[in-house]
Amino acid sequence: MDLEARSLQPNVKAVLLAKLREYKSDLNNLKSEHKRLASANSNQAARDDLLESGMADVMSVSANQRGRLMMSTERLNESSDRIKESRRTMLETEELGVSILQDLHQQRQSLLHANDTLHGVDDNISKSKKILTNMSRRMSRNKWIISSIIVVLVVAIALILYFKLSK
């Protein structure tokens, strides 16, 4: 999970690495609490055994030890359950993170594809604009040429009529 987070883009990587460090810290805290509880219970039980062995009779010591042993076992089971729950939560979070990363990857691919398509459309629009500009110039030039021909023909007809009528 650490390697996957480090291979991502910097903005996503920072968030995921911070969460990962937090989860690792929580796991280490739970492990140390479990060890502390286990060693404290065993040390306390051993100390109480030494102190009570000379002061109480065998039956009360045995019942007392049994009670402490059951409490210690219960605490140990509770701690184990908390560790299992924390581990389950961590795995669920990891799965959710992987799912989010996959979704983000798909969205990135979609955006890249849309960007490429947009650039292609932009290039086509530029080409179309150039073609339309050239067509407009040709049309204007053809109008001038036709207008010039019409003027020349009108002048030629006027000259022909003038010379025909004047003779």
N, C-alpha and C. Protein backbone atom coordinates (compact mmCIF):
# COMPACT_ATOMS: atom_id res chain seq x y z
N MET A 1 0.84 -1.17 0.00
CA MET A 1 0.00 0.00 0.00
C MET A 1 0.90 1.25 0.00
N ASP A 2 1.99 1.17 0.73
CA ASP A 2 2.92 2.28 0.80
C ASP A 2 3.53 2.55 -0.58
N LEU A 3 3.91 1.48 -1.29
CA LEU A 3 4.50 1.64 -2.62
C LEU A 3 3.49 2.22 -3.60
N GLU A 4 2.25 1.77 -3.52
CA GLU A 4 1.23 2.30 -4.42
C GLU A 4 1.03 3.78 -4.19
N ALA A 5 0.99 4.20 -2.93
CA ALA A 5 0.78 5.61 -2.61
C ALA A 5 1.95 6.46 -3.09
N ARG A 6 3.16 5.92 -3.01
CA ARG A 6 4.33 6.71 -3.43
C ARG A 6 4.42 6.87 -4.95
N SER A 7 3.75 5.98 -5.69
CA SER A 7 3.83 6.04 -7.14
C SER A 7 2.77 6.96 -7.75
N LEU A 8 1.96 7.58 -6.93
CA LEU A 8 0.89 8.44 -7.44
C LEU A 8 1.37 9.88 -7.61
N GLN A 9 0.48 10.72 -8.10
CA GLN A 9 0.81 12.13 -8.30
C GLN A 9 0.99 12.80 -6.94
N PRO A 10 1.79 13.87 -6.87
CA PRO A 10 2.15 14.49 -5.59
C PRO A 10 0.95 14.94 -4.74
N ASN A 11 -0.08 15.50 -5.35
CA ASN A 11 -1.18 16.01 -4.53
C ASN A 11 -1.96 14.87 -3.88
N VAL A 12 -2.15 13.76 -4.56
CA VAL A 12 -2.86 12.60 -4.01
C VAL A 12 -1.92 11.84 -3.07
N LYS A 13 -0.65 11.77 -3.43
CA LYS A 13 0.33 11.02 -2.67
C LYS A 13 0.45 11.57 -1.25
N ALA A 14 0.48 12.87 -1.09
CA ALA A 14 0.64 13.48 0.23
C ALA A 14 -0.51 13.09 1.15
N VAL A 15 -1.72 13.14 0.66
CA VAL A 15 -2.89 12.82 1.48
C VAL A 15 -2.87 11.34 1.87
N LEU A 16 -2.61 10.48 0.90
CA LEU A 16 -2.62 9.05 1.18
C LEU A 16 -1.48 8.65 2.12
N LEU A 17 -0.30 9.24 1.95
CA LEU A 17 0.81 8.91 2.84
C LEU A 17 0.53 9.38 4.26
N ALA A 18 -0.13 10.52 4.42
CA ALA A 18 -0.49 11.00 5.75
C ALA A 18 -1.47 10.03 6.42
N LYS A 19 -2.46 9.58 5.67
CA LYS A 19 -3.42 8.62 6.23
C LYS A 19 -2.72 7.31 6.58
N LEU A 20 -1.82 6.87 5.71
CA LEU A 20 -1.11 5.62 5.93
C LEU A 20 -0.27 5.71 7.21
N ARG A 21 0.43 6.85 7.40
CA ARG A 21 1.21 7.04 8.62
C ARG A 21 0.31 7.03 9.85
N GLU A 22 -0.85 7.63 9.73
CA GLU A 22 -1.80 7.65 10.84
C GLU A 22 -2.26 6.24 11.19
N TYR A 23 -2.58 5.44 10.17
CA TYR A 23 -3.02 4.07 10.42
C TYR A 23 -1.89 3.23 11.02
N LYS A 24 -0.68 3.43 10.52
CA LYS A 24 0.45 2.68 11.08
C LYS A 24 0.67 3.07 12.54
N SER A 25 0.54 4.36 12.83
CA SER A 25 0.70 4.83 14.20
C SER A 25 -0.37 4.22 15.11
N ASP A 26 -1.62 4.21 14.64
CA ASP A 26 -2.71 3.61 15.42
C ASP A 26 -2.45 2.13 15.68
N LEU A 27 -1.99 1.42 14.65
CA LEU A 27 -1.70 0.00 14.80
C LEU A 27 -0.58 -0.22 15.81
N ASN A 28 0.49 0.58 15.73
CA ASN A 28 1.60 0.45 16.68
C ASN A 28 1.14 0.77 18.10
N ASN A 29 0.28 1.78 18.25
CA ASN A 29 -0.23 2.11 19.59
C ASN A 29 -1.04 0.96 20.16
N LEU A 30 -1.89 0.36 19.32
CA LEU A 30 -2.69 -0.77 19.79
C LEU A 30 -1.80 -1.97 20.15
N LYS A 31 -0.77 -2.20 19.36
CA LYS A 31 0.15 -3.31 19.67
C LYS A 31 0.86 -3.07 21.00
N SER A 32 1.35 -1.83 21.19
CA SER A 32 2.06 -1.54 22.44
C SER A 32 1.11 -1.62 23.63
N GLU A 33 -0.15 -1.18 23.45
CA GLU A 33 -1.14 -1.28 24.53
C GLU A 33 -1.41 -2.75 24.86
N HIS A 34 -1.50 -3.56 23.83
CA HIS A 34 -1.72 -5.00 24.04
C HIS A 34 -0.56 -5.61 24.81
N LYS A 35 0.67 -5.28 24.41
CA LYS A 35 1.85 -5.81 25.11
C LYS A 35 1.89 -5.33 26.56
N ARG A 36 1.56 -4.04 26.73
CA ARG A 36 1.59 -3.47 28.08
C ARG A 36 0.57 -4.16 28.97
N LEU A 37 -0.63 -4.35 28.43
CA LEU A 37 -1.67 -5.01 29.23
C LEU A 37 -1.28 -6.46 29.54
N ALA A 38 -0.74 -7.14 28.56
CA ALA A 38 -0.36 -8.53 28.76
C ALA A 38 0.77 -8.65 29.80
N SER A 39 1.78 -7.77 29.69
CA SER A 39 2.90 -7.86 30.64
C SER A 39 2.49 -7.34 32.02
N ALA A 40 1.64 -6.30 32.08
CA ALA A 40 1.20 -5.78 33.37
C ALA A 40 0.37 -6.81 34.11
N ASN A 41 -0.49 -7.49 33.37
CA ASN A 41 -1.31 -8.51 34.00
C ASN A 41 -0.47 -9.67 34.52
N SER A 42 0.50 -10.10 33.74
CA SER A 42 1.32 -11.23 34.18
C SER A 42 2.23 -10.83 35.34
N ASN A 43 2.80 -9.60 35.29
CA ASN A 43 3.65 -9.13 36.39
C ASN A 43 2.84 -8.96 37.67
N GLN A 44 1.65 -8.38 37.56
CA GLN A 44 0.79 -8.18 38.72
C GLN A 44 0.38 -9.52 39.32
N ALA A 45 0.03 -10.46 38.44
CA ALA A 45 -0.38 -11.78 38.93
C ALA A 45 0.77 -12.47 39.66
N ALA A 46 1.97 -12.38 39.13
CA ALA A 46 3.13 -13.02 39.77
C ALA A 46 3.43 -12.36 41.12
N ARG A 47 3.34 -11.06 41.18
CA ARG A 47 3.61 -10.32 42.42
C ARG A 47 2.57 -10.69 43.49
N ASP A 48 1.30 -10.69 43.07
CA ASP A 48 0.24 -11.05 44.02
C ASP A 48 0.40 -12.47 44.51
N ASP A 49 0.82 -13.38 43.65
CA ASP A 49 1.04 -14.77 44.06
C ASP A 49 2.11 -14.86 45.15
N LEU A 50 3.19 -14.11 44.97
CA LEU A 50 4.27 -14.15 45.96
C LEU A 50 3.82 -13.56 47.30
N LEU A 51 3.08 -12.45 47.24
CA LEU A 51 2.65 -11.81 48.47
C LEU A 51 1.59 -12.62 49.21
N GLU A 52 0.67 -13.20 48.48
CA GLU A 52 -0.43 -13.90 49.11
C GLU A 52 -0.09 -15.32 49.53
N SER A 53 0.96 -15.86 49.00
CA SER A 53 1.25 -17.26 49.30
C SER A 53 1.51 -17.48 50.79
N GLY A 54 2.09 -16.51 51.44
CA GLY A 54 2.36 -16.67 52.87
C GLY A 54 1.24 -16.19 53.74
N MET A 55 0.30 -15.39 53.23
CA MET A 55 -0.70 -14.75 54.07
C MET A 55 -2.07 -15.42 54.05
N ALA A 56 -2.42 -16.07 52.99
CA ALA A 56 -3.78 -16.62 52.89
C ALA A 56 -3.71 -18.12 52.74
N ASP A 57 -4.83 -18.74 52.98
CA ASP A 57 -4.82 -20.18 52.81
C ASP A 57 -4.95 -20.54 51.34
N VAL A 58 -4.77 -21.77 51.00
CA VAL A 58 -4.68 -22.24 49.63
C VAL A 58 -5.99 -22.05 48.88
N MET A 59 -7.12 -22.25 49.51
CA MET A 59 -8.41 -22.16 48.83
C MET A 59 -8.73 -20.73 48.42
N SER A 60 -8.52 -19.77 49.31
CA SER A 60 -8.84 -18.38 48.97
C SER A 60 -7.88 -17.84 47.92
N VAL A 61 -6.62 -18.27 48.00
CA VAL A 61 -5.63 -17.84 47.01
C VAL A 61 -6.00 -18.40 45.64
N SER A 62 -6.42 -19.63 45.60
CA SER A 62 -6.77 -20.25 44.33
C SER A 62 -7.99 -19.57 43.72
N ALA A 63 -8.99 -19.26 44.51
CA ALA A 63 -10.19 -18.57 44.00
C ALA A 63 -9.83 -17.15 43.55
N ASN A 64 -9.00 -16.50 44.34
CA ASN A 64 -8.57 -15.14 44.01
C ASN A 64 -7.77 -15.14 42.71
N GLN A 65 -6.87 -16.10 42.57
CA GLN A 65 -6.06 -16.21 41.36
C GLN A 65 -6.94 -16.51 40.16
N ARG A 66 -7.92 -17.36 40.35
CA ARG A 66 -8.83 -17.70 39.27
C ARG A 66 -9.60 -16.45 38.82
N GLY A 67 -10.04 -15.65 39.77
CA GLY A 67 -10.77 -14.41 39.44
C GLY A 67 -9.89 -13.43 38.67
N ARG A 68 -8.67 -13.25 39.15
CA ARG A 68 -7.74 -12.34 38.46
C ARG A 68 -7.39 -12.87 37.07
N LEU A 69 -7.22 -14.18 36.99
CA LEU A 69 -6.92 -14.79 35.70
C LEU A 69 -8.07 -14.58 34.73
N MET A 70 -9.29 -14.71 35.19
CA MET A 70 -10.45 -14.49 34.33
C MET A 70 -10.54 -13.02 33.89
N MET A 71 -10.26 -12.09 34.83
CA MET A 71 -10.27 -10.66 34.47
C MET A 71 -9.17 -10.37 33.45
N SER A 72 -8.01 -10.93 33.67
CA SER A 72 -6.90 -10.72 32.72
C SER A 72 -7.24 -11.29 31.36
N THR A 73 -7.82 -12.47 31.36
CA THR A 73 -8.22 -13.08 30.10
C THR A 73 -9.27 -12.24 29.39
N GLU A 74 -10.21 -11.71 30.17
CA GLU A 74 -11.26 -10.86 29.59
C GLU A 74 -10.65 -9.59 28.99
N ARG A 75 -9.73 -8.98 29.70
CA ARG A 75 -9.05 -7.77 29.18
C ARG A 75 -8.27 -8.10 27.91
N LEU A 76 -7.59 -9.21 27.95
CA LEU A 76 -6.82 -9.63 26.78
C LEU A 76 -7.73 -9.88 25.59
N ASN A 77 -8.86 -10.52 25.82
CA ASN A 77 -9.82 -10.75 24.74
C ASN A 77 -10.38 -9.43 24.20
N GLU A 78 -10.68 -8.50 25.09
CA GLU A 78 -11.18 -7.19 24.65
C GLU A 78 -10.13 -6.47 23.80
N SER A 79 -8.88 -6.53 24.26
CA SER A 79 -7.81 -5.90 23.49
C SER A 79 -7.65 -6.56 22.13
N SER A 80 -7.73 -7.88 22.12
CA SER A 80 -7.63 -8.61 20.84
C SER A 80 -8.77 -8.23 19.91
N ASP A 81 -9.98 -8.10 20.48
CA ASP A 81 -11.13 -7.70 19.67
C ASP A 81 -10.93 -6.29 19.10
N ARG A 82 -10.41 -5.40 19.93
CA ARG A 82 -10.14 -4.03 19.43
C ARG A 82 -9.10 -4.04 18.31
N ILE A 83 -8.10 -4.87 18.47
CA ILE A 83 -7.06 -4.95 17.42
C ILE A 83 -7.65 -5.53 16.15
N LYS A 84 -8.49 -6.57 16.28
CA LYS A 84 -9.14 -7.15 15.09
C LYS A 84 -10.04 -6.13 14.42
N GLU A 85 -10.78 -5.38 15.20
CA GLU A 85 -11.67 -4.35 14.65
C GLU A 85 -10.87 -3.26 13.94
N SER A 86 -9.75 -2.87 14.56
CA SER A 86 -8.89 -1.86 13.94
C SER A 86 -8.31 -2.38 12.63
N ARG A 87 -7.91 -3.63 12.63
CA ARG A 87 -7.35 -4.22 11.41
C ARG A 87 -8.42 -4.30 10.31
N ARG A 88 -9.65 -4.70 10.69
CA ARG A 88 -10.74 -4.76 9.72
C ARG A 88 -11.03 -3.36 9.15
N THR A 89 -11.04 -2.37 10.01
CA THR A 89 -11.26 -0.99 9.55
C THR A 89 -10.14 -0.55 8.62
N MET A 90 -8.91 -0.90 8.96
CA MET A 90 -7.77 -0.54 8.12
C MET A 90 -7.89 -1.20 6.74
N LEU A 91 -8.29 -2.47 6.70
CA LEU A 91 -8.43 -3.16 5.42
C LEU A 91 -9.57 -2.56 4.59
N GLU A 92 -10.68 -2.23 5.25
CA GLU A 92 -11.78 -1.59 4.53
C GLU A 92 -11.34 -0.25 3.96
N THR A 93 -10.59 0.50 4.74
CA THR A 93 -10.10 1.80 4.29
C THR A 93 -9.15 1.64 3.12
N GLU A 94 -8.31 0.62 3.18
CA GLU A 94 -7.39 0.37 2.08
C GLU A 94 -8.15 0.01 0.81
N GLU A 95 -9.17 -0.84 0.94
CA GLU A 95 -9.98 -1.21 -0.23
C GLU A 95 -10.68 0.01 -0.81
N LEU A 96 -11.20 0.85 0.07
CA LEU A 96 -11.86 2.08 -0.39
C LEU A 96 -10.86 2.98 -1.11
N GLY A 97 -9.66 3.08 -0.56
CA GLY A 97 -8.62 3.90 -1.20
C GLY A 97 -8.26 3.37 -2.58
N VAL A 98 -8.14 2.07 -2.69
CA VAL A 98 -7.81 1.47 -4.00
C VAL A 98 -8.94 1.74 -4.99
N SER A 99 -10.17 1.60 -4.52
CA SER A 99 -11.33 1.87 -5.40
C SER A 99 -11.34 3.32 -5.86
N ILE A 100 -11.06 4.23 -4.95
CA ILE A 100 -11.02 5.66 -5.30
C ILE A 100 -9.90 5.93 -6.29
N LEU A 101 -8.76 5.31 -6.09
CA LEU A 101 -7.65 5.50 -7.02
C LEU A 101 -7.99 4.98 -8.41
N GLN A 102 -8.69 3.86 -8.48
CA GLN A 102 -9.09 3.34 -9.78
C GLN A 102 -10.08 4.28 -10.46
N ASP A 103 -11.03 4.81 -9.70
CA ASP A 103 -11.98 5.77 -10.25
C ASP A 103 -11.26 7.02 -10.75
N LEU A 104 -10.32 7.51 -9.97
CA LEU A 104 -9.57 8.69 -10.38
C LEU A 104 -8.76 8.42 -11.65
N HIS A 105 -8.20 7.23 -11.76
CA HIS A 105 -7.44 6.88 -12.96
C HIS A 105 -8.35 6.89 -14.19
N GLN A 106 -9.55 6.30 -14.05
CA GLN A 106 -10.50 6.28 -15.17
C GLN A 106 -10.92 7.70 -15.55
N GLN A 107 -11.16 8.54 -14.55
CA GLN A 107 -11.54 9.92 -14.83
C GLN A 107 -10.40 10.67 -15.51
N ARG A 108 -9.18 10.40 -15.10
CA ARG A 108 -8.02 11.04 -15.73
C ARG A 108 -7.93 10.64 -17.21
N GLN A 109 -8.13 9.35 -17.47
CA GLN A 109 -8.09 8.88 -18.85
C GLN A 109 -9.19 9.55 -19.68
N SER A 110 -10.37 9.70 -19.10
CA SER A 110 -11.48 10.36 -19.81
C SER A 110 -11.13 11.81 -20.12
N LEU A 111 -10.54 12.49 -19.15
CA LEU A 111 -10.16 13.89 -19.35
C LEU A 111 -9.08 14.03 -20.42
N LEU A 112 -8.12 13.11 -20.41
CA LEU A 112 -7.07 13.15 -21.42
C LEU A 112 -7.65 12.92 -22.81
N HIS A 113 -8.57 11.98 -22.92
CA HIS A 113 -9.22 11.70 -24.20
C HIS A 113 -10.02 12.91 -24.67
N ALA A 114 -10.76 13.53 -23.76
CA ALA A 114 -11.54 14.72 -24.11
C ALA A 114 -10.61 15.86 -24.54
N ASN A 115 -9.46 15.98 -23.89
CA ASN A 115 -8.50 17.02 -24.25
C ASN A 115 -7.95 16.79 -25.65
N ASP A 116 -7.62 15.54 -25.97
CA ASP A 116 -7.13 15.23 -27.31
C ASP A 116 -8.19 15.52 -28.37
N THR A 117 -9.44 15.15 -28.08
CA THR A 117 -10.53 15.41 -29.01
C THR A 117 -10.72 16.91 -29.20
N LEU A 118 -10.63 17.66 -28.12
CA LEU A 118 -10.78 19.11 -28.20
C LEU A 118 -9.69 19.73 -29.06
N HIS A 119 -8.47 19.25 -28.93
CA HIS A 119 -7.38 19.78 -29.76
C HIS A 119 -7.62 19.45 -31.23
N GLY A 120 -8.14 18.25 -31.51
CA GLY A 120 -8.45 17.88 -32.89
C GLY A 120 -9.54 18.77 -33.46
N VAL A 121 -10.56 19.05 -32.69
CA VAL A 121 -11.64 19.93 -33.15
C VAL A 121 -11.11 21.34 -33.38
N ASP A 122 -10.25 21.80 -32.50
CA ASP A 122 -9.67 23.14 -32.64
C ASP A 122 -8.85 23.24 -33.93
N ASP A 123 -8.08 22.21 -34.23
CA ASP A 123 -7.31 22.19 -35.48
C ASP A 123 -8.24 22.23 -36.69
N ASN A 124 -9.32 21.45 -36.64
CA ASN A 124 -10.28 21.44 -37.76
C ASN A 124 -10.96 22.80 -37.92
N ILE A 125 -11.27 23.45 -36.83
CA ILE A 125 -11.89 24.78 -36.91
C ILE A 125 -10.92 25.78 -37.53
N SER A 126 -9.64 25.70 -37.16
CA SER A 126 -8.64 26.60 -37.75
C SER A 126 -8.54 26.38 -39.26
N LYS A 127 -8.53 25.12 -39.70
CA LYS A 127 -8.46 24.83 -41.13
C LYS A 127 -9.70 25.36 -41.85
N SER A 128 -10.87 25.15 -41.23
CA SER A 128 -12.12 25.62 -41.84
C SER A 128 -12.12 27.14 -41.96
N LYS A 129 -11.60 27.81 -40.97
CA LYS A 129 -11.55 29.29 -40.99
C LYS A 129 -10.67 29.77 -42.14
N LYS A 130 -9.53 29.10 -42.34
CA LYS A 130 -8.64 29.48 -43.44
C LYS A 130 -9.33 29.26 -44.79
N ILE A 131 -10.02 28.13 -44.93
CA ILE A 131 -10.71 27.83 -46.20
C ILE A 131 -11.79 28.87 -46.47
N LEU A 132 -12.58 29.21 -45.43
CA LEU A 132 -13.64 30.21 -45.60
C LEU A 132 -13.07 31.58 -45.93
N THR A 133 -11.96 31.94 -45.33
CA THR A 133 -11.31 33.23 -45.63
C THR A 133 -10.86 33.26 -47.09
N ASN A 134 -10.26 32.17 -47.56
CA ASN A 134 -9.83 32.10 -48.96
C ASN A 134 -11.01 32.18 -49.91
N MET A 135 -12.11 31.49 -49.55
CA MET A 135 -13.30 31.52 -50.40
C MET A 135 -13.88 32.95 -50.45
N SER A 136 -13.87 33.63 -49.34
CA SER A 136 -14.39 35.01 -49.29
C SER A 136 -13.54 35.93 -50.16
N ARG A 137 -12.24 35.77 -50.11
CA ARG A 137 -11.35 36.59 -50.95
C ARG A 137 -11.61 36.33 -52.43
N ARG A 138 -11.73 35.05 -52.80
CA ARG A 138 -12.01 34.70 -54.20
C ARG A 138 -13.34 35.29 -54.66
N MET A 139 -14.33 35.21 -53.76
CA MET A 139 -15.64 35.74 -54.10
C MET A 139 -15.57 37.25 -54.33
N SER A 140 -14.86 37.95 -53.45
CA SER A 140 -14.71 39.40 -53.62
C SER A 140 -13.96 39.72 -54.91
N ARG A 141 -12.91 38.97 -55.19
CA ARG A 141 -12.13 39.18 -56.40
C ARG A 141 -12.99 38.92 -57.65
N ASN A 142 -13.78 37.82 -57.59
CA ASN A 142 -14.66 37.53 -58.73
C ASN A 142 -15.69 38.62 -58.93
N LYS A 143 -16.23 39.19 -57.84
CA LYS A 143 -17.19 40.31 -57.95
C LYS A 143 -16.54 41.50 -58.65
N TRP A 144 -15.31 41.81 -58.28
CA TRP A 144 -14.61 42.95 -58.90
C TRP A 144 -14.35 42.68 -60.39
N ILE A 145 -13.96 41.44 -60.65
CA ILE A 145 -13.69 41.10 -62.06
C ILE A 145 -14.96 41.20 -62.88
N ILE A 146 -16.07 40.62 -62.37
CA ILE A 146 -17.35 40.68 -63.10
C ILE A 146 -17.82 42.12 -63.23
N SER A 147 -17.67 42.91 -62.17
CA SER A 147 -18.06 44.32 -62.23
C SER A 147 -17.23 45.06 -63.27
N SER A 148 -15.95 44.77 -63.31
CA SER A 148 -15.07 45.42 -64.30
C SER A 148 -15.47 45.03 -65.72
N ILE A 149 -15.78 43.75 -65.92
CA ILE A 149 -16.19 43.28 -67.25
C ILE A 149 -17.49 43.97 -67.66
N ILE A 150 -18.44 44.06 -66.72
CA ILE A 150 -19.71 44.73 -67.02
C ILE A 150 -19.48 46.19 -67.39
N VAL A 151 -18.63 46.87 -66.65
CA VAL A 151 -18.35 48.29 -66.95
C VAL A 151 -17.70 48.41 -68.33
N VAL A 152 -16.76 47.53 -68.64
CA VAL A 152 -16.09 47.57 -69.94
C VAL A 152 -17.11 47.31 -71.04
N LEU A 153 -17.99 46.32 -70.86
CA LEU A 153 -19.00 46.04 -71.86
C LEU A 153 -19.97 47.20 -72.04
N VAL A 154 -20.38 47.81 -70.95
CA VAL A 154 -21.28 48.97 -71.04
C VAL A 154 -20.58 50.11 -71.77
N VAL A 155 -19.32 50.35 -71.49
CA VAL A 155 -18.57 51.41 -72.18
C VAL A 155 -18.43 51.04 -73.65
N ALA A 156 -18.14 49.76 -73.94
CA ALA A 156 -18.00 49.34 -75.34
C ALA A 156 -19.32 49.50 -76.08
N ILE A 157 -20.44 49.14 -75.48
CA ILE A 157 -21.75 49.28 -76.11
C ILE A 157 -22.04 50.76 -76.32
N ALA A 158 -21.72 51.56 -75.33
CA ALA A 158 -21.96 53.00 -75.46
C ALA A 158 -21.12 53.58 -76.59
N LEU A 159 -19.89 53.15 -76.72
CA LEU A 159 -19.03 53.65 -77.80
C LEU A 159 -19.54 53.18 -79.16
N ILE A 160 -19.97 51.94 -79.23
CA ILE A 160 -20.51 51.41 -80.50
C ILE A 160 -21.76 52.19 -80.87
N LEU A 161 -22.63 52.41 -79.94
CA LEU A 161 -23.84 53.18 -80.22
C LEU A 161 -23.51 54.61 -80.60
N TYR A 162 -22.56 55.17 -79.96
CA TYR A 162 -22.18 56.55 -80.28
C TYR A 162 -21.64 56.63 -81.71
N PHE A 163 -20.77 55.68 -82.05
CA PHE A 163 -20.21 55.71 -83.40
C PHE A 163 -21.26 55.34 -84.46
N LYS A 164 -22.17 54.48 -84.16
CA LYS A 164 -23.21 54.10 -85.10
C LYS A 164 -24.20 55.24 -85.28
N LEU A 165 -24.55 55.86 -84.26
CA LEU A 165 -25.54 56.93 -84.33
C LEU A 165 -24.93 58.22 -84.86
N SER A 166 -23.69 58.41 -84.63
CA SER A 166 -23.08 59.64 -85.11
C SER A 166 -22.76 59.57 -86.60
N LYS A 167 -22.75 58.52 -87.26
CA LYS A 167 -22.49 58.42 -88.69
C LYS A 167 -23.70 58.45 -89.44
